[in-house]
Amino acid sequence: MKYKHKINFTTCTLMLIILVVLGIFGAVIDKPNIKITQSYNVLVEGVVEANGVLTEYWIGSGVLISKDGNIVTAKHCVNGATKLKITLQDGSYYYVTDYFKDRYADVAIIDIPGKDYKFANIGDSDIIEAGDRLHNIGNAQGTWENSVLWGVVYKNHFTRYIYPNTELILLDMGVFGGCSGGGLYRGTILYGIVVMGNSDNVTLAVPSNVVKDLHKRYLITMDLESIAKYF
């Protein structure tokens, strides 16, 4: 009996050591990926002015998706702004007056001048399954630039009445104000754009395949709309 207990104790100890080692190894592996995905993150600041008076201000996130300065963000981060400021990792910034939006999904494409930007590779979101671990890079609370949040996928191809014509990725992930429009990654590959979250650790993201489709349509039509049009 004592021998049996000794085996169980030894086995449990060994398993604990393995889990700790794997956790440390996983953190080491993830760090380079986080640094890479942070380089794609941009700060999106929306301002509403009336007769020269600031009446509203908000902060969101965005992801560079082309070397030519195409950026994807959440549509609600740009709708209604009279001014939109995009700040890059090196501190440079641009003011944007137009954007390209999806009719149903809460995503939009904005464009800034310049070439040879680092940009995210957009993956096939259909391969994402329940249990997959993803991370979000954003600007939580507007002050934590390049914030990193982790979550686990509850369900892919999830539908919700708020977005009746869009399938979403549902995650167990707590996000903060300022994270909307930020990228959702596995490794260094972009699989979604965060569009909604709450205090119950429920987060919704628009799948990357929707982003790919929107970007293709943008490149074909270049049909930009005024940000202030919907205000």
Protein backbone atom coordinates (compact mmCIF):
# COMPACT_ATOMS: atom_id res chain seq x y z
CA MET A 1 0.00 0.00 0.00
CA LYS A 2 2.79 2.43 0.90
CA TYR A 3 4.56 1.60 -2.35
CA LYS A 4 1.40 2.34 -4.30
CA HIS A 5 1.01 5.73 -2.63
CA LYS A 6 4.64 6.49 -3.39
CA ILE A 7 4.06 5.78 -7.07
CA ASN A 8 1.02 8.06 -7.17
CA PHE A 9 2.90 10.86 -5.41
CA THR A 10 5.87 10.48 -7.76
CA THR A 11 3.59 10.41 -10.78
CA CYS A 12 1.76 13.55 -9.68
CA THR A 13 5.05 15.33 -8.99
CA LEU A 14 6.37 14.37 -12.41
CA MET A 15 3.19 15.57 -14.10
CA LEU A 16 3.40 18.88 -12.24
CA ILE A 17 6.99 19.36 -13.35
CA ILE A 18 6.04 18.61 -16.95
CA LEU A 19 3.18 21.11 -16.84
CA VAL A 20 5.43 23.82 -15.40
CA VAL A 21 8.08 23.16 -18.05
CA LEU A 22 5.50 23.22 -20.82
CA GLY A 23 4.06 26.46 -19.46
CA ILE A 24 7.46 28.11 -19.39
CA PHE A 25 8.29 26.73 -22.84
CA GLY A 26 4.96 27.97 -24.18
CA ALA A 27 5.54 31.44 -22.77
CA VAL A 28 8.99 31.55 -24.37
CA ILE A 29 7.54 30.45 -27.70
CA ASP A 30 4.71 33.00 -27.49
CA LYS A 31 6.91 36.02 -26.72
CA PRO A 32 8.37 36.41 -30.23
CA ASN A 33 4.90 35.98 -31.72
CA ILE A 34 3.51 38.68 -29.44
CA LYS A 35 6.29 41.09 -30.41
CA ILE A 36 5.56 40.48 -34.09
CA THR A 37 1.80 40.90 -33.78
CA GLN A 38 2.24 44.05 -31.69
CA SER A 39 4.11 45.61 -34.62
CA TYR A 40 0.88 45.45 -36.69
CA ASN A 41 -1.19 47.27 -34.07
CA VAL A 42 -2.29 50.88 -34.58
CA LEU A 43 -4.10 53.32 -32.31
CA VAL A 44 -7.41 54.63 -33.66
CA GLU A 45 -8.68 57.86 -32.11
CA GLY A 46 -12.09 59.25 -33.04
CA VAL A 47 -13.11 62.84 -32.37
CA VAL A 48 -16.45 64.58 -32.76
CA GLU A 49 -16.41 68.36 -32.98
CA ALA A 50 -19.36 70.73 -33.33
CA ASN A 51 -18.67 74.40 -34.10
CA GLY A 52 -15.06 73.91 -33.06
CA VAL A 53 -16.00 72.40 -29.69
CA LEU A 54 -14.94 68.85 -28.73
CA THR A 55 -18.10 66.93 -27.85
CA GLU A 56 -16.95 63.33 -27.93
CA TYR A 57 -13.74 61.29 -28.00
CA TRP A 58 -12.98 57.59 -28.13
CA ILE A 59 -10.10 55.19 -28.69
CA GLY A 60 -9.94 51.90 -30.54
CA SER A 61 -7.45 49.65 -32.28
CA GLY A 62 -6.62 48.58 -35.81
CA VAL A 63 -4.39 46.17 -37.74
CA LEU A 64 -2.13 46.86 -40.71
CA ILE A 65 -3.02 44.31 -43.40
CA SER A 66 -0.95 45.52 -46.37
CA LYS A 67 2.44 47.05 -47.01
CA ASP A 68 0.64 50.01 -48.64
CA GLY A 69 -1.03 51.13 -45.43
CA ASN A 70 -4.42 49.40 -45.55
CA ILE A 71 -5.78 49.03 -42.00
CA VAL A 72 -8.74 47.02 -40.74
CA THR A 73 -10.64 48.16 -37.66
CA ALA A 74 -14.11 47.88 -36.16
CA LYS A 75 -16.70 49.91 -38.05
CA HIS A 76 -18.04 51.41 -34.83
CA CYS A 77 -14.55 52.86 -34.19
CA VAL A 78 -14.87 55.11 -37.24
CA ASN A 79 -18.60 55.76 -37.63
CA GLY A 80 -19.59 59.24 -36.54
CA ALA A 81 -16.14 60.75 -36.17
CA THR A 82 -15.47 64.18 -37.64
CA LYS A 83 -11.75 63.50 -37.25
CA LEU A 84 -9.92 60.19 -37.13
CA LYS A 85 -6.29 59.95 -36.06
CA ILE A 86 -4.20 56.84 -36.74
CA THR A 87 -0.97 56.42 -34.74
CA LEU A 88 1.66 53.84 -35.69
CA GLN A 89 4.21 52.01 -33.57
CA ASP A 90 6.95 54.54 -34.30
CA GLY A 91 4.76 57.41 -33.07
CA SER A 92 3.98 58.81 -36.51
CA TYR A 93 0.33 59.58 -37.16
CA TYR A 94 -2.10 60.43 -39.93
CA TYR A 95 -5.56 61.96 -40.10
CA VAL A 96 -8.11 59.94 -42.07
CA THR A 97 -11.33 61.26 -43.58
CA ASP A 98 -12.65 58.24 -45.50
CA TYR A 99 -13.19 54.54 -45.02
CA PHE A 100 -14.59 51.43 -46.73
CA LYS A 101 -17.16 49.50 -44.74
CA ASP A 102 -18.95 46.18 -44.85
CA ARG A 103 -22.73 46.41 -45.10
CA TYR A 104 -23.40 44.00 -42.23
CA ALA A 105 -20.20 43.16 -40.36
CA ASP A 106 -18.70 45.56 -37.83
CA VAL A 107 -15.46 46.02 -39.79
CA ALA A 108 -14.02 48.79 -41.95
CA ILE A 109 -10.91 49.46 -44.04
CA ILE A 110 -9.00 52.71 -43.71
CA ASP A 111 -5.94 53.77 -45.67
CA ILE A 112 -2.88 55.79 -44.72
CA PRO A 113 -0.05 57.11 -46.93
CA GLY A 114 3.27 55.33 -47.15
CA LYS A 115 4.84 52.07 -48.28
CA ASP A 116 6.63 49.03 -46.90
CA TYR A 117 4.69 48.74 -43.65
CA LYS A 118 4.90 45.55 -41.61
CA PHE A 119 1.53 43.86 -41.95
CA ALA A 120 -0.36 40.86 -40.64
CA ASN A 121 -0.91 37.73 -42.68
CA ILE A 122 -4.62 36.96 -42.77
CA GLY A 123 -5.44 33.31 -42.08
CA ASP A 124 -8.38 31.06 -42.90
CA SER A 125 -10.77 31.55 -39.97
CA ASP A 126 -12.70 28.40 -40.92
CA ILE A 127 -9.96 26.30 -39.35
CA ILE A 128 -10.52 27.86 -35.91
CA GLU A 129 -12.29 25.45 -33.54
CA ALA A 130 -13.68 25.39 -30.02
CA GLY A 131 -10.80 25.10 -27.56
CA ASP A 132 -8.28 26.99 -29.68
CA ARG A 133 -6.22 29.54 -27.73
CA LEU A 134 -5.94 32.97 -29.36
CA HIS A 135 -4.50 36.31 -28.29
CA ASN A 136 -5.67 39.86 -28.86
CA ILE A 137 -3.38 42.83 -29.40
CA GLY A 138 -5.04 46.18 -28.79
CA ASN A 139 -5.04 49.44 -26.85
CA ALA A 140 -6.95 48.54 -23.71
CA GLN A 141 -8.44 51.54 -21.88
CA GLY A 142 -6.73 53.76 -24.42
CA THR A 143 -3.54 53.86 -22.38
CA TRP A 144 -2.20 50.31 -22.49
CA GLU A 145 -0.82 50.42 -26.02
CA ASN A 146 -0.04 46.94 -27.31
CA SER A 147 -2.05 45.28 -24.55
CA VAL A 148 -2.07 41.47 -24.75
CA LEU A 149 -5.13 39.44 -23.79
CA TRP A 150 -5.58 35.68 -24.04
CA GLY A 151 -8.75 33.72 -24.60
CA VAL A 152 -10.20 30.37 -25.60
CA VAL A 153 -12.66 29.89 -28.43
CA TYR A 154 -16.15 28.83 -27.35
CA LYS A 155 -17.52 28.55 -30.86
CA ASN A 156 -16.80 29.54 -34.45
CA HIS A 157 -19.55 30.48 -36.92
CA PHE A 158 -21.57 31.91 -34.03
CA THR A 159 -24.57 34.14 -34.84
CA ARG A 160 -26.07 36.86 -32.64
CA TYR A 161 -29.05 39.12 -33.14
CA ILE A 162 -26.87 42.26 -32.94
CA TYR A 163 -25.10 41.06 -36.10
CA PRO A 164 -27.81 38.95 -37.77
CA ASN A 165 -26.05 38.58 -41.12
CA THR A 166 -22.56 37.87 -39.84
CA GLU A 167 -21.01 34.73 -38.40
CA LEU A 168 -18.67 35.49 -35.51
CA ILE A 169 -16.01 33.89 -33.34
CA LEU A 170 -17.20 33.59 -29.72
CA LEU A 171 -14.46 33.57 -27.07
CA ASP A 172 -13.91 33.30 -23.35
CA MET A 173 -11.86 36.49 -23.18
CA GLY A 174 -12.20 39.63 -21.10
CA VAL A 175 -11.54 42.76 -23.17
CA PHE A 176 -11.50 46.43 -22.26
CA GLY A 177 -12.56 49.64 -23.94
CA GLY A 178 -10.01 50.42 -26.63
CA CYS A 179 -9.64 46.79 -27.73
CA SER A 180 -12.33 47.02 -30.42
CA GLY A 181 -10.75 46.78 -33.85
CA GLY A 182 -7.73 44.92 -32.50
CA GLY A 183 -6.44 41.73 -34.04
CA LEU A 184 -7.10 38.19 -32.84
CA TYR A 185 -4.13 35.93 -33.51
CA ARG A 186 -2.87 32.39 -33.26
CA GLY A 187 0.89 32.64 -33.47
CA THR A 188 1.47 35.49 -35.91
CA ILE A 189 -1.55 34.82 -38.14
CA LEU A 190 -4.61 37.07 -37.98
CA TYR A 191 -7.87 35.14 -37.49
CA GLY A 192 -10.29 37.86 -36.44
CA ILE A 193 -11.04 41.43 -35.40
CA VAL A 194 -12.48 42.07 -31.94
CA VAL A 195 -15.77 43.96 -32.12
CA MET A 196 -17.50 43.38 -28.79
CA GLY A 197 -16.82 42.24 -25.24
CA ASN A 198 -18.30 42.43 -21.76
CA SER A 199 -17.49 41.95 -18.09
CA ASP A 200 -18.57 38.28 -18.23
CA ASN A 201 -15.48 37.41 -20.30
CA VAL A 202 -17.55 37.02 -23.46
CA THR A 203 -15.92 38.47 -26.57
CA LEU A 204 -17.06 38.49 -30.19
CA ALA A 205 -14.77 38.81 -33.19
CA VAL A 206 -15.42 39.14 -36.91
CA PRO A 207 -13.66 36.20 -38.63
CA SER A 208 -10.63 36.87 -40.80
CA ASN A 209 -12.38 35.44 -43.88
CA VAL A 210 -14.84 38.35 -43.68
CA VAL A 211 -11.87 40.71 -43.44
CA LYS A 212 -10.24 39.11 -46.49
CA ASP A 213 -13.44 39.47 -48.51
CA LEU A 214 -13.84 43.12 -47.49
CA HIS A 215 -10.23 43.90 -48.35
CA LYS A 216 -10.57 42.31 -51.78
CA ARG A 217 -13.69 44.39 -52.49
CA TYR A 218 -11.91 47.52 -51.33
CA LEU A 219 -8.94 46.88 -53.65
CA ILE A 220 -11.31 46.36 -56.59
CA THR A 221 -13.64 49.32 -56.04
CA MET A 222 -11.62 51.79 -53.92
CA ASP A 223 -15.09 53.10 -53.03
CA LEU A 224 -14.40 55.13 -49.88
CA GLU A 225 -17.12 56.86 -47.89
CA SER A 226 -16.93 59.93 -45.70
CA ILE A 227 -16.54 59.10 -42.02
CA ALA A 228 -18.89 61.93 -41.06
CA LYS A 229 -21.63 60.74 -43.44
CA TYR A 230 -23.18 58.47 -40.82
CA PHE A 231 -22.95 60.93 -37.95
